């Protein structure tokens, strides 16, 4: 006998996807300031109660909506050249991070999070920590293959790499272009790379 609950579950998941997509579409058009539950409900063609059954607040809805695009394509390529792989990822993900709908909405959530410790913690756990972890995984593999120095604190390095780009993308008016990424990676490789470093010398 067929599971009679399967169809309702599928319909519920489909409706949730529709609401998240409507939120992203609206965010791209009006930015963070123009977003509210009523506007999303109108865009999706549903009543407010349909949204409130799934999300207790606009912030919760936005967090789930951003998850659809934020964590997409965050996996680093592994060509055996850590600098090239970091560069490719930073240049590829930059436009998505700074442009709509992610950039304007995330900047709005950052502002709201300053007065909401729970939201601040959620932003870190669901977004920033995810990207830092993926970056750490890639540079740790490079450390294991000898591209980066042994025993270095790569957790701090990953935080600096991601934090520099996020600061520019989300909190400043400075651009993130190829020159910016190259300068950042030159600093990283000068501090952690093994190429060109002299090996240990024995006593004369």
N, C-alpha and C. Protein backbone atom coordinates (compact mmCIF):
# COMPACT_ATOMS: atom_id res chain seq x y z
N UNK A 1 0.84 -1.21 0.00
CA UNK A 1 0.00 0.00 0.00
C UNK A 1 0.87 1.24 0.00
N UNK A 2 0.55 2.24 -0.80
CA UNK A 2 1.36 3.44 -0.92
C UNK A 2 1.27 4.26 0.36
N UNK A 3 2.37 4.92 0.66
CA UNK A 3 2.42 5.79 1.83
C UNK A 3 1.61 7.04 1.54
N UNK A 4 0.48 7.20 2.23
CA UNK A 4 -0.42 8.32 1.97
C UNK A 4 0.18 9.65 2.42
N UNK A 5 1.21 9.61 3.30
CA UNK A 5 1.80 10.85 3.79
C UNK A 5 2.88 11.38 2.87
N UNK A 6 3.31 10.56 1.89
CA UNK A 6 4.42 10.98 1.03
C UNK A 6 4.05 12.19 0.18
N UNK A 7 2.85 12.15 -0.44
CA UNK A 7 2.44 13.26 -1.30
C UNK A 7 2.33 14.57 -0.53
N UNK A 8 1.66 14.59 0.65
CA UNK A 8 1.62 15.84 1.41
C UNK A 8 3.00 16.36 1.77
N UNK A 9 3.94 15.45 2.12
CA UNK A 9 5.29 15.89 2.45
C UNK A 9 5.95 16.53 1.24
N UNK A 10 5.75 15.91 0.08
CA UNK A 10 6.35 16.48 -1.14
C UNK A 10 5.75 17.85 -1.44
N UNK A 11 4.42 17.97 -1.25
CA UNK A 11 3.79 19.26 -1.50
C UNK A 11 4.30 20.31 -0.53
N UNK A 12 4.51 19.90 0.74
CA UNK A 12 5.03 20.84 1.73
C UNK A 12 6.43 21.30 1.39
N UNK A 13 7.27 20.37 0.93
CA UNK A 13 8.63 20.73 0.56
C UNK A 13 8.64 21.64 -0.66
N UNK A 14 7.76 21.35 -1.61
CA UNK A 14 7.69 22.17 -2.81
C UNK A 14 7.22 23.59 -2.46
N UNK A 15 6.26 23.72 -1.56
CA UNK A 15 5.77 25.03 -1.16
C UNK A 15 6.89 25.80 -0.43
N UNK A 16 7.64 25.11 0.40
CA UNK A 16 8.77 25.76 1.08
C UNK A 16 9.78 26.28 0.08
N UNK A 17 10.10 25.47 -0.92
CA UNK A 17 11.04 25.90 -1.97
C UNK A 17 10.50 27.13 -2.70
N UNK A 18 9.21 27.13 -2.98
CA UNK A 18 8.61 28.27 -3.67
C UNK A 18 8.71 29.54 -2.84
N UNK A 19 8.50 29.43 -1.54
CA UNK A 19 8.57 30.60 -0.66
C UNK A 19 10.00 31.11 -0.56
N UNK A 20 10.96 30.20 -0.48
CA UNK A 20 12.36 30.62 -0.41
C UNK A 20 12.78 31.31 -1.70
N UNK A 21 12.34 30.77 -2.83
CA UNK A 21 12.70 31.38 -4.11
C UNK A 21 12.03 32.75 -4.26
N UNK A 22 10.79 32.86 -3.81
CA UNK A 22 10.11 34.15 -3.86
C UNK A 22 10.84 35.18 -3.01
N UNK A 23 11.36 34.75 -1.89
CA UNK A 23 12.12 35.65 -1.02
C UNK A 23 13.38 36.14 -1.72
N UNK A 24 14.10 35.23 -2.36
CA UNK A 24 15.32 35.61 -3.08
C UNK A 24 15.01 36.54 -4.25
N UNK A 25 13.97 36.23 -4.99
CA UNK A 25 13.60 37.07 -6.13
C UNK A 25 13.25 38.49 -5.68
N UNK A 26 12.49 38.57 -4.60
CA UNK A 26 12.11 39.87 -4.09
C UNK A 26 13.32 40.63 -3.55
N UNK A 27 14.20 39.91 -2.87
CA UNK A 27 15.40 40.54 -2.32
C UNK A 27 16.26 41.13 -3.43
N UNK A 28 16.35 40.44 -4.55
CA UNK A 28 17.14 40.94 -5.68
C UNK A 28 16.55 42.23 -6.24
N UNK A 29 15.23 42.39 -6.11
CA UNK A 29 14.56 43.56 -6.66
C UNK A 29 14.54 44.75 -5.71
N UNK A 30 14.27 44.49 -4.43
CA UNK A 30 14.02 45.60 -3.51
C UNK A 30 15.08 45.74 -2.43
N UNK A 31 15.98 44.76 -2.30
CA UNK A 31 16.99 44.84 -1.26
C UNK A 31 16.43 44.51 0.11
N UNK A 32 17.29 44.58 1.12
CA UNK A 32 16.89 44.19 2.47
C UNK A 32 15.79 45.09 3.02
N UNK A 33 15.90 46.40 2.75
CA UNK A 33 14.95 47.35 3.34
C UNK A 33 13.52 47.10 2.88
N UNK A 34 13.36 46.54 1.70
CA UNK A 34 12.02 46.33 1.17
C UNK A 34 11.42 44.98 1.50
N UNK A 35 12.12 44.20 2.29
CA UNK A 35 11.66 42.85 2.60
C UNK A 35 10.86 42.82 3.89
N UNK A 36 9.73 42.13 3.85
CA UNK A 36 8.95 41.83 5.04
C UNK A 36 8.04 40.65 4.71
N UNK A 37 7.45 40.08 5.73
CA UNK A 37 6.63 38.89 5.54
C UNK A 37 5.47 39.17 4.60
N UNK A 38 4.85 40.33 4.73
CA UNK A 38 3.71 40.67 3.89
C UNK A 38 4.11 40.73 2.41
N UNK A 39 5.28 41.33 2.13
CA UNK A 39 5.73 41.46 0.75
C UNK A 39 6.04 40.10 0.15
N UNK A 40 6.67 39.23 0.94
CA UNK A 40 6.98 37.89 0.45
C UNK A 40 5.70 37.11 0.19
N UNK A 41 4.72 37.24 1.09
CA UNK A 41 3.45 36.55 0.92
C UNK A 41 2.76 36.99 -0.37
N UNK A 42 2.77 38.29 -0.62
CA UNK A 42 2.15 38.79 -1.86
C UNK A 42 2.88 38.24 -3.08
N UNK A 43 4.21 38.24 -3.04
CA UNK A 43 4.97 37.73 -4.18
C UNK A 43 4.68 36.25 -4.42
N UNK A 44 4.55 35.48 -3.35
CA UNK A 44 4.32 34.04 -3.48
C UNK A 44 2.85 33.69 -3.68
N UNK A 45 1.96 34.66 -3.49
CA UNK A 45 0.55 34.39 -3.66
C UNK A 45 -0.04 33.54 -2.55
N UNK A 46 0.43 33.77 -1.31
CA UNK A 46 -0.08 33.01 -0.17
C UNK A 46 -0.43 33.99 0.95
N UNK A 47 -1.08 33.46 1.97
CA UNK A 47 -1.37 34.26 3.14
C UNK A 47 -0.18 34.31 4.08
N UNK A 48 -0.13 35.31 4.93
CA UNK A 48 0.99 35.45 5.88
C UNK A 48 1.13 34.22 6.77
N UNK A 49 -0.01 33.63 7.13
CA UNK A 49 0.04 32.49 8.04
C UNK A 49 0.81 31.32 7.44
N UNK A 50 0.80 31.21 6.10
CA UNK A 50 1.54 30.13 5.44
C UNK A 50 3.03 30.27 5.70
N UNK A 51 3.51 31.50 5.71
CA UNK A 51 4.92 31.75 5.98
C UNK A 51 5.23 31.58 7.46
N UNK A 52 4.38 32.12 8.31
CA UNK A 52 4.63 32.05 9.75
C UNK A 52 4.58 30.61 10.28
N UNK A 53 3.88 29.73 9.59
CA UNK A 53 3.89 28.32 10.01
C UNK A 53 5.27 27.71 9.85
N UNK A 54 6.06 28.24 8.92
CA UNK A 54 7.38 27.69 8.64
C UNK A 54 8.51 28.47 9.29
N UNK A 55 8.35 29.80 9.39
CA UNK A 55 9.41 30.65 9.91
C UNK A 55 8.83 31.64 10.92
N UNK A 56 9.43 31.76 12.09
CA UNK A 56 8.88 32.65 13.12
C UNK A 56 9.14 34.12 12.88
N UNK A 57 10.09 34.43 11.97
CA UNK A 57 10.45 35.82 11.74
C UNK A 57 11.01 36.00 10.35
N UNK A 58 11.14 37.26 9.93
CA UNK A 58 11.73 37.55 8.64
C UNK A 58 13.19 37.13 8.62
N UNK A 59 13.89 37.31 9.73
CA UNK A 59 15.30 36.92 9.79
C UNK A 59 15.46 35.42 9.57
N UNK A 60 14.60 34.61 10.17
CA UNK A 60 14.68 33.16 10.00
C UNK A 60 14.42 32.77 8.55
N UNK A 61 13.45 33.42 7.93
CA UNK A 61 13.16 33.16 6.52
C UNK A 61 14.36 33.52 5.65
N UNK A 62 14.97 34.67 5.91
CA UNK A 62 16.12 35.10 5.11
C UNK A 62 17.31 34.16 5.28
N UNK A 63 17.52 33.66 6.47
CA UNK A 63 18.62 32.73 6.69
C UNK A 63 18.45 31.48 5.85
N UNK A 64 17.24 30.94 5.81
CA UNK A 64 17.01 29.75 5.00
C UNK A 64 17.10 30.07 3.51
N UNK A 65 16.62 31.25 3.13
CA UNK A 65 16.69 31.63 1.72
C UNK A 65 18.14 31.80 1.27
N UNK A 66 18.94 32.44 2.09
CA UNK A 66 20.35 32.62 1.73
C UNK A 66 21.09 31.29 1.67
N UNK A 67 20.66 30.33 2.48
CA UNK A 67 21.32 29.01 2.45
C UNK A 67 21.21 28.36 1.08
N UNK A 68 20.19 28.72 0.32
CA UNK A 68 20.01 28.14 -1.00
C UNK A 68 21.12 28.57 -1.96
N UNK A 69 21.66 29.76 -1.77
CA UNK A 69 22.66 30.28 -2.71
C UNK A 69 24.04 30.42 -2.09
N UNK A 70 24.09 30.60 -0.77
CA UNK A 70 25.37 30.85 -0.11
C UNK A 70 26.29 29.65 -0.17
N UNK A 71 25.76 28.47 0.13
CA UNK A 71 26.60 27.28 0.21
C UNK A 71 26.69 26.53 -1.10
N UNK A 72 26.19 27.14 -2.18
CA UNK A 72 26.28 26.51 -3.49
C UNK A 72 27.67 26.71 -4.07
N UNK A 73 28.28 25.64 -4.55
CA UNK A 73 29.56 25.73 -5.24
C UNK A 73 30.66 26.30 -4.36
N UNK A 74 30.72 25.89 -3.10
CA UNK A 74 31.78 26.33 -2.21
C UNK A 74 32.96 25.37 -2.19
N UNK A 75 32.85 24.24 -2.83
CA UNK A 75 33.93 23.26 -2.80
C UNK A 75 35.10 23.74 -3.66
N UNK A 76 36.27 23.70 -3.06
CA UNK A 76 37.46 24.09 -3.79
C UNK A 76 37.89 23.00 -4.76
N UNK A 77 38.39 23.40 -5.90
CA UNK A 77 39.03 22.45 -6.78
C UNK A 77 40.38 22.07 -6.18
N UNK A 78 40.88 20.92 -6.55
CA UNK A 78 42.19 20.47 -6.05
C UNK A 78 43.02 20.03 -7.24
N UNK A 79 43.77 20.99 -7.79
CA UNK A 79 44.61 20.73 -8.96
C UNK A 79 46.04 20.38 -8.57
N UNK A 80 46.32 20.43 -7.27
CA UNK A 80 47.69 20.23 -6.82
C UNK A 80 48.44 21.54 -6.66
N UNK A 81 47.80 22.65 -6.99
CA UNK A 81 48.39 23.98 -6.85
C UNK A 81 47.46 24.79 -5.96
N UNK A 82 47.81 24.90 -4.67
CA UNK A 82 46.89 25.50 -3.71
C UNK A 82 46.66 26.98 -4.01
N UNK A 83 47.68 27.68 -4.45
CA UNK A 83 47.48 29.10 -4.74
C UNK A 83 46.49 29.28 -5.90
N UNK A 84 46.64 28.50 -6.93
CA UNK A 84 45.74 28.59 -8.08
C UNK A 84 44.32 28.22 -7.69
N UNK A 85 44.16 27.23 -6.82
CA UNK A 85 42.82 26.80 -6.42
C UNK A 85 42.15 27.85 -5.54
N UNK A 86 42.91 28.46 -4.63
CA UNK A 86 42.36 29.53 -3.81
C UNK A 86 41.96 30.72 -4.69
N UNK A 87 42.82 31.06 -5.62
CA UNK A 87 42.55 32.20 -6.50
C UNK A 87 41.28 31.97 -7.32
N UNK A 88 41.15 30.79 -7.88
CA UNK A 88 39.97 30.48 -8.70
C UNK A 88 38.70 30.57 -7.87
N UNK A 89 38.73 30.03 -6.66
CA UNK A 89 37.54 30.05 -5.82
C UNK A 89 37.19 31.46 -5.39
N UNK A 90 38.17 32.25 -4.99
CA UNK A 90 37.89 33.60 -4.52
C UNK A 90 37.31 34.47 -5.64
N UNK A 91 37.85 34.34 -6.84
CA UNK A 91 37.33 35.13 -7.96
C UNK A 91 35.97 34.65 -8.42
N UNK A 92 35.74 33.34 -8.32
CA UNK A 92 34.46 32.77 -8.76
C UNK A 92 33.33 33.11 -7.79
N UNK A 93 33.61 33.08 -6.49
CA UNK A 93 32.56 33.28 -5.50
C UNK A 93 32.32 34.74 -5.17
N UNK A 94 33.26 35.61 -5.53
CA UNK A 94 33.15 37.02 -5.17
C UNK A 94 31.89 37.69 -5.67
N UNK A 95 31.57 37.61 -6.95
CA UNK A 95 30.36 38.28 -7.45
C UNK A 95 29.08 37.81 -6.76
N UNK A 96 29.00 36.52 -6.46
CA UNK A 96 27.80 36.01 -5.78
C UNK A 96 27.70 36.54 -4.36
N UNK A 97 28.85 36.71 -3.72
CA UNK A 97 28.85 37.18 -2.34
C UNK A 97 28.49 38.65 -2.23
N UNK A 98 28.99 39.46 -3.14
CA UNK A 98 28.78 40.90 -3.03
C UNK A 98 27.53 41.40 -3.74
N UNK A 99 27.07 40.68 -4.76
CA UNK A 99 25.92 41.14 -5.52
C UNK A 99 24.60 40.64 -4.97
N UNK A 100 23.49 41.09 -5.54
CA UNK A 100 22.17 40.63 -5.10
C UNK A 100 21.93 39.20 -5.54
N UNK A 101 21.15 38.44 -4.76
CA UNK A 101 20.49 38.89 -3.53
C UNK A 101 21.34 38.74 -2.27
N UNK A 102 22.47 38.01 -2.35
CA UNK A 102 23.22 37.69 -1.14
C UNK A 102 23.78 38.93 -0.47
N UNK A 103 24.51 39.76 -1.22
CA UNK A 103 25.19 40.89 -0.62
C UNK A 103 24.28 41.83 0.16
N UNK A 104 23.26 42.41 -0.48
CA UNK A 104 22.39 43.34 0.24
C UNK A 104 21.67 42.71 1.43
N UNK A 105 21.20 41.48 1.26
CA UNK A 105 20.48 40.83 2.35
C UNK A 105 21.42 40.50 3.50
N UNK A 106 22.60 39.99 3.18
CA UNK A 106 23.52 39.64 4.26
C UNK A 106 24.00 40.87 5.01
N UNK A 107 24.22 41.97 4.30
CA UNK A 107 24.62 43.20 4.98
C UNK A 107 23.52 43.66 5.93
N UNK A 108 22.27 43.50 5.51
CA UNK A 108 21.16 43.85 6.39
C UNK A 108 21.10 42.97 7.62
N UNK A 109 21.34 41.68 7.42
CA UNK A 109 21.32 40.76 8.56
C UNK A 109 22.48 41.03 9.51
N UNK A 110 23.64 41.42 8.96
CA UNK A 110 24.77 41.77 9.82
C UNK A 110 24.39 42.93 10.73
N UNK A 111 23.74 43.94 10.16
CA UNK A 111 23.32 45.08 10.97
C UNK A 111 22.34 44.65 12.06
N UNK A 112 21.36 43.82 11.69
CA UNK A 112 20.36 43.36 12.66
C UNK A 112 20.99 42.50 13.74
N UNK A 113 22.02 41.74 13.37
CA UNK A 113 22.65 40.82 14.31
C UNK A 113 23.40 41.54 15.42
N UNK A 114 23.75 42.81 15.23
CA UNK A 114 24.48 43.53 16.27
C UNK A 114 23.65 43.68 17.54
N UNK A 115 22.34 43.66 17.41
CA UNK A 115 21.46 43.76 18.58
C UNK A 115 20.79 42.43 18.90
N UNK A 116 21.23 41.36 18.21
CA UNK A 116 20.60 40.04 18.40
C UNK A 116 21.69 38.98 18.45
N UNK A 117 22.19 38.66 19.65
CA UNK A 117 23.28 37.69 19.77
C UNK A 117 22.96 36.33 19.16
N UNK A 118 21.71 35.91 19.24
CA UNK A 118 21.35 34.60 18.69
C UNK A 118 21.48 34.61 17.17
N UNK A 119 21.03 35.70 16.55
CA UNK A 119 21.16 35.82 15.09
C UNK A 119 22.63 35.90 14.70
N UNK A 120 23.40 36.61 15.47
CA UNK A 120 24.83 36.72 15.19
C UNK A 120 25.49 35.35 15.22
N UNK A 121 25.17 34.55 16.22
CA UNK A 121 25.73 33.21 16.33
C UNK A 121 25.29 32.33 15.16
N UNK A 122 24.04 32.47 14.76
CA UNK A 122 23.53 31.67 13.65
C UNK A 122 24.21 32.05 12.34
N UNK A 123 24.41 33.34 12.11
CA UNK A 123 25.11 33.77 10.91
C UNK A 123 26.51 33.18 10.85
N UNK A 124 27.18 33.18 11.98
CA UNK A 124 28.53 32.62 12.01
C UNK A 124 28.51 31.12 11.75
N UNK A 125 27.64 30.41 12.41
CA UNK A 125 27.62 28.95 12.31
C UNK A 125 27.18 28.48 10.93
N UNK A 126 26.18 29.14 10.36
CA UNK A 126 25.61 28.65 9.10
C UNK A 126 26.32 29.16 7.86
N UNK A 127 27.02 30.29 7.97
CA UNK A 127 27.61 30.89 6.78
C UNK A 127 29.12 31.05 6.90
N UNK A 128 29.57 31.92 7.78
CA UNK A 128 31.01 32.19 7.86
C UNK A 128 31.80 30.94 8.19
N UNK A 129 31.35 30.18 9.18
CA UNK A 129 32.10 29.00 9.58
C UNK A 129 32.13 27.96 8.46
N UNK A 130 31.07 27.88 7.67
CA UNK A 130 31.05 26.94 6.55
C UNK A 130 32.16 27.26 5.55
N UNK A 131 32.29 28.53 5.21
CA UNK A 131 33.30 28.91 4.22
C UNK A 131 34.70 28.77 4.81
N UNK A 132 34.88 29.15 6.06
CA UNK A 132 36.18 28.98 6.70
C UNK A 132 36.58 27.51 6.73
N UNK A 133 35.62 26.64 7.02
CA UNK A 133 35.92 25.21 7.10
C UNK A 133 36.34 24.67 5.74
N UNK A 134 35.63 25.05 4.68
CA UNK A 134 36.01 24.58 3.34
C UNK A 134 37.40 25.08 2.97
N UNK A 135 37.71 26.33 3.32
CA UNK A 135 39.04 26.88 3.03
C UNK A 135 40.10 26.14 3.84
N UNK A 136 39.82 25.89 5.10
CA UNK A 136 40.77 25.17 5.95
C UNK A 136 41.03 23.77 5.41
N UNK A 137 40.00 23.10 4.94
CA UNK A 137 40.18 21.77 4.39
C UNK A 137 41.13 21.79 3.19
N UNK A 138 40.97 22.80 2.32
CA UNK A 138 41.83 22.86 1.13
C UNK A 138 43.28 23.17 1.49
N UNK A 139 43.53 24.12 2.39
CA UNK A 139 44.91 24.45 2.71
C UNK A 139 45.55 23.37 3.60
N UNK A 140 44.74 22.64 4.34
CA UNK A 140 45.29 21.53 5.12
C UNK A 140 45.79 20.43 4.20
N UNK A 141 45.04 20.16 3.12
CA UNK A 141 45.53 19.18 2.15
C UNK A 141 46.84 19.64 1.53
N UNK A 142 46.96 20.94 1.29
CA UNK A 142 48.21 21.47 0.74
C UNK A 142 49.36 21.33 1.74
N UNK A 143 49.05 21.45 3.00
CA UNK A 143 50.07 21.24 4.03
C UNK A 143 50.53 19.79 4.05
N UNK A 144 49.60 18.87 3.89
CA UNK A 144 49.95 17.45 3.90
C UNK A 144 50.78 17.05 2.68
N UNK A 145 50.59 17.76 1.56
CA UNK A 145 51.37 17.43 0.35
C UNK A 145 52.67 18.21 0.26
N UNK A 146 52.94 19.05 1.26
CA UNK A 146 54.22 19.75 1.29
C UNK A 146 54.22 21.13 0.65
N UNK A 147 53.08 21.60 0.16
CA UNK A 147 53.04 22.95 -0.42
C UNK A 147 53.11 24.04 0.64
N UNK A 148 52.62 23.73 1.84
CA UNK A 148 52.63 24.69 2.93
C UNK A 148 53.45 24.14 4.08
N UNK A 149 54.00 25.03 4.89
CA UNK A 149 54.90 24.63 5.96
C UNK A 149 54.16 23.78 6.99
N UNK A 150 54.89 22.88 7.60
CA UNK A 150 54.32 22.02 8.63
C UNK A 150 54.11 22.81 9.92
N UNK A 151 53.16 22.32 10.71
CA UNK A 151 52.93 22.84 12.06
C UNK A 151 52.46 24.29 12.10
N UNK A 152 52.03 24.84 10.97
CA UNK A 152 51.49 26.21 10.96
C UNK A 152 50.04 26.19 11.45
N UNK A 153 49.60 27.30 12.03
CA UNK A 153 48.22 27.43 12.50
C UNK A 153 47.34 27.80 11.31
N UNK A 154 46.87 26.80 10.59
CA UNK A 154 46.10 27.06 9.39
C UNK A 154 44.67 27.51 9.69
N UNK A 155 44.17 27.24 10.88
CA UNK A 155 42.85 27.75 11.24
C UNK A 155 42.86 29.28 11.21
N UNK A 156 43.91 29.86 11.74
CA UNK A 156 44.03 31.31 11.72
C UNK A 156 44.20 31.81 10.29
N UNK A 157 44.99 31.09 9.50
CA UNK A 157 45.19 31.49 8.10
C UNK A 157 43.88 31.49 7.34
N UNK A 158 43.05 30.46 7.53
CA UNK A 158 41.76 30.39 6.85
C UNK A 158 40.86 31.54 7.26
N UNK A 159 40.90 31.88 8.55
CA UNK A 159 40.08 32.99 9.03
C UNK A 159 40.53 34.31 8.40
N UNK A 160 41.84 34.50 8.28
CA UNK A 160 42.35 35.74 7.69
C UNK A 160 42.00 35.82 6.20
N UNK A 161 42.18 34.71 5.49
CA UNK A 161 41.86 34.70 4.06
C UNK A 161 40.39 35.06 3.83
N UNK A 162 39.50 34.35 4.51
CA UNK A 162 38.07 34.59 4.32
C UNK A 162 37.65 35.95 4.87
N UNK A 163 38.18 36.29 6.04
CA UNK A 163 37.79 37.54 6.68
C UNK A 163 38.15 38.76 5.86
N UNK A 164 39.30 38.72 5.21
CA UNK A 164 39.72 39.85 4.39
C UNK A 164 38.75 40.07 3.24
N UNK A 165 38.38 39.00 2.57
CA UNK A 165 37.47 39.12 1.44
C UNK A 165 36.06 39.51 1.89
N UNK A 166 35.60 38.93 3.00
CA UNK A 166 34.26 39.26 3.48
C UNK A 166 34.18 40.71 3.92
N UNK A 167 35.26 41.21 4.54
CA UNK A 167 35.27 42.61 4.96
C UNK A 167 35.10 43.51 3.74
N UNK A 168 35.83 43.23 2.69
CA UNK A 168 35.73 44.06 1.49
C UNK A 168 34.37 43.90 0.80
N UNK A 169 33.93 42.67 0.68
CA UNK A 169 32.67 42.43 -0.03
C UNK A 169 31.47 43.01 0.72
N UNK A 170 31.44 42.84 2.04
CA UNK A 170 30.21 43.08 2.79
C UNK A 170 30.21 44.36 3.62
N UNK A 171 31.38 44.86 3.99
CA UNK A 171 31.42 45.97 4.94
C UNK A 171 32.14 47.21 4.44
N UNK A 172 32.84 47.11 3.33
CA UNK A 172 33.57 48.27 2.84
C UNK A 172 33.13 48.59 1.41
N UNK A 173 33.67 49.68 0.89
CA UNK A 173 33.39 50.06 -0.49
C UNK A 173 34.54 49.69 -1.41
N UNK A 174 35.56 49.02 -0.87
CA UNK A 174 36.71 48.63 -1.68
C UNK A 174 36.35 47.44 -2.56
N UNK A 175 36.94 47.41 -3.73
CA UNK A 175 36.64 46.32 -4.66
C UNK A 175 37.47 45.09 -4.33
N UNK A 176 36.99 43.96 -4.79
CA UNK A 176 37.76 42.71 -4.75
C UNK A 176 37.97 42.30 -6.20
N UNK A 177 39.14 42.66 -6.73
CA UNK A 177 39.45 42.32 -8.10
C UNK A 177 40.63 41.36 -8.13
N UNK A 178 41.11 41.07 -9.32
CA UNK A 178 42.21 40.11 -9.44
C UNK A 178 43.45 40.59 -8.70
N UNK A 179 43.73 41.86 -8.76
CA UNK A 179 44.92 42.38 -8.07
C UNK A 179 44.79 42.20 -6.56
N UNK A 180 43.60 42.46 -6.02
CA UNK A 180 43.37 42.27 -4.59
C UNK A 180 43.59 40.83 -4.18
N UNK A 181 43.00 39.91 -4.93
CA UNK A 181 43.14 38.48 -4.62
C UNK A 181 44.60 38.06 -4.74
N UNK A 182 45.28 38.52 -5.77
CA UNK A 182 46.69 38.15 -5.94
C UNK A 182 47.55 38.67 -4.80
N UNK A 183 47.32 39.88 -4.36
CA UNK A 183 48.10 40.42 -3.25
C UNK A 183 47.85 39.64 -1.96
N UNK A 184 46.59 39.28 -1.72
CA UNK A 184 46.26 38.50 -0.54
C UNK A 184 46.95 37.14 -0.58
N UNK A 185 46.91 36.49 -1.73
CA UNK A 185 47.52 35.16 -1.85
C UNK A 185 49.04 35.24 -1.83
N UNK A 186 49.61 36.32 -2.34
CA UNK A 186 51.06 36.49 -2.24
C UNK A 186 51.48 36.57 -0.77
N UNK A 187 50.72 37.29 0.03
CA UNK A 187 51.02 37.37 1.47
C UNK A 187 50.88 36.01 2.14
N UNK A 188 49.82 35.29 1.77
CA UNK A 188 49.59 33.97 2.35
C UNK A 188 50.71 33.01 2.00
N UNK A 189 51.11 32.97 0.74
CA UNK A 189 52.15 32.03 0.32
C UNK A 189 53.52 32.44 0.88
N UNK A 190 53.77 33.75 1.03
CA UNK A 190 55.02 34.19 1.63
C UNK A 190 55.12 33.74 3.08
N UNK A 191 53.97 33.70 3.77
CA UNK A 191 53.96 33.31 5.17
C UNK A 191 53.95 31.80 5.37
N UNK A 192 53.26 31.08 4.48
CA UNK A 192 53.03 29.66 4.71
C UNK A 192 53.57 28.74 3.63
N UNK A 193 53.90 29.26 2.47
CA UNK A 193 54.36 28.40 1.38
C UNK A 193 55.77 27.88 1.59
N UNK A 194 56.05 26.72 1.02
CA UNK A 194 57.38 26.11 1.15
C UNK A 194 58.27 26.39 -0.05
N UNK A 195 57.71 26.84 -1.17
CA UNK A 195 58.51 27.08 -2.36
C UNK A 195 59.52 28.18 -2.10
N UNK A 196 60.79 27.90 -2.42
CA UNK A 196 61.83 28.91 -2.27
C UNK A 196 62.42 28.99 -0.88
N UNK A 197 61.88 28.25 0.07
CA UNK A 197 62.44 28.27 1.43
C UNK A 197 63.67 27.38 1.50
N UNK A 198 64.67 27.87 2.19
CA UNK A 198 65.88 27.08 2.36
C UNK A 198 65.63 25.97 3.36
N UNK A 199 66.13 24.80 3.08
CA UNK A 199 66.00 23.68 4.00
C UNK A 199 66.96 23.81 5.15
N UNK A 200 66.85 22.96 6.16
CA UNK A 200 67.74 23.01 7.30
C UNK A 200 69.17 22.74 6.88
N UNK A 201 70.09 23.42 7.47
CA UNK A 201 71.52 23.24 7.17
C UNK A 201 72.22 22.61 8.35
N UNK A 202 73.15 21.77 8.06
CA UNK A 202 73.90 21.12 9.13
C UNK A 202 75.03 21.98 9.61
N UNK A 203 75.62 21.62 10.70
CA UNK A 203 76.74 22.37 11.25
C UNK A 203 77.96 22.18 10.39
N UNK A 204 78.78 23.24 10.24
CA UNK A 204 79.97 23.16 9.41
C UNK A 204 81.08 22.39 10.09
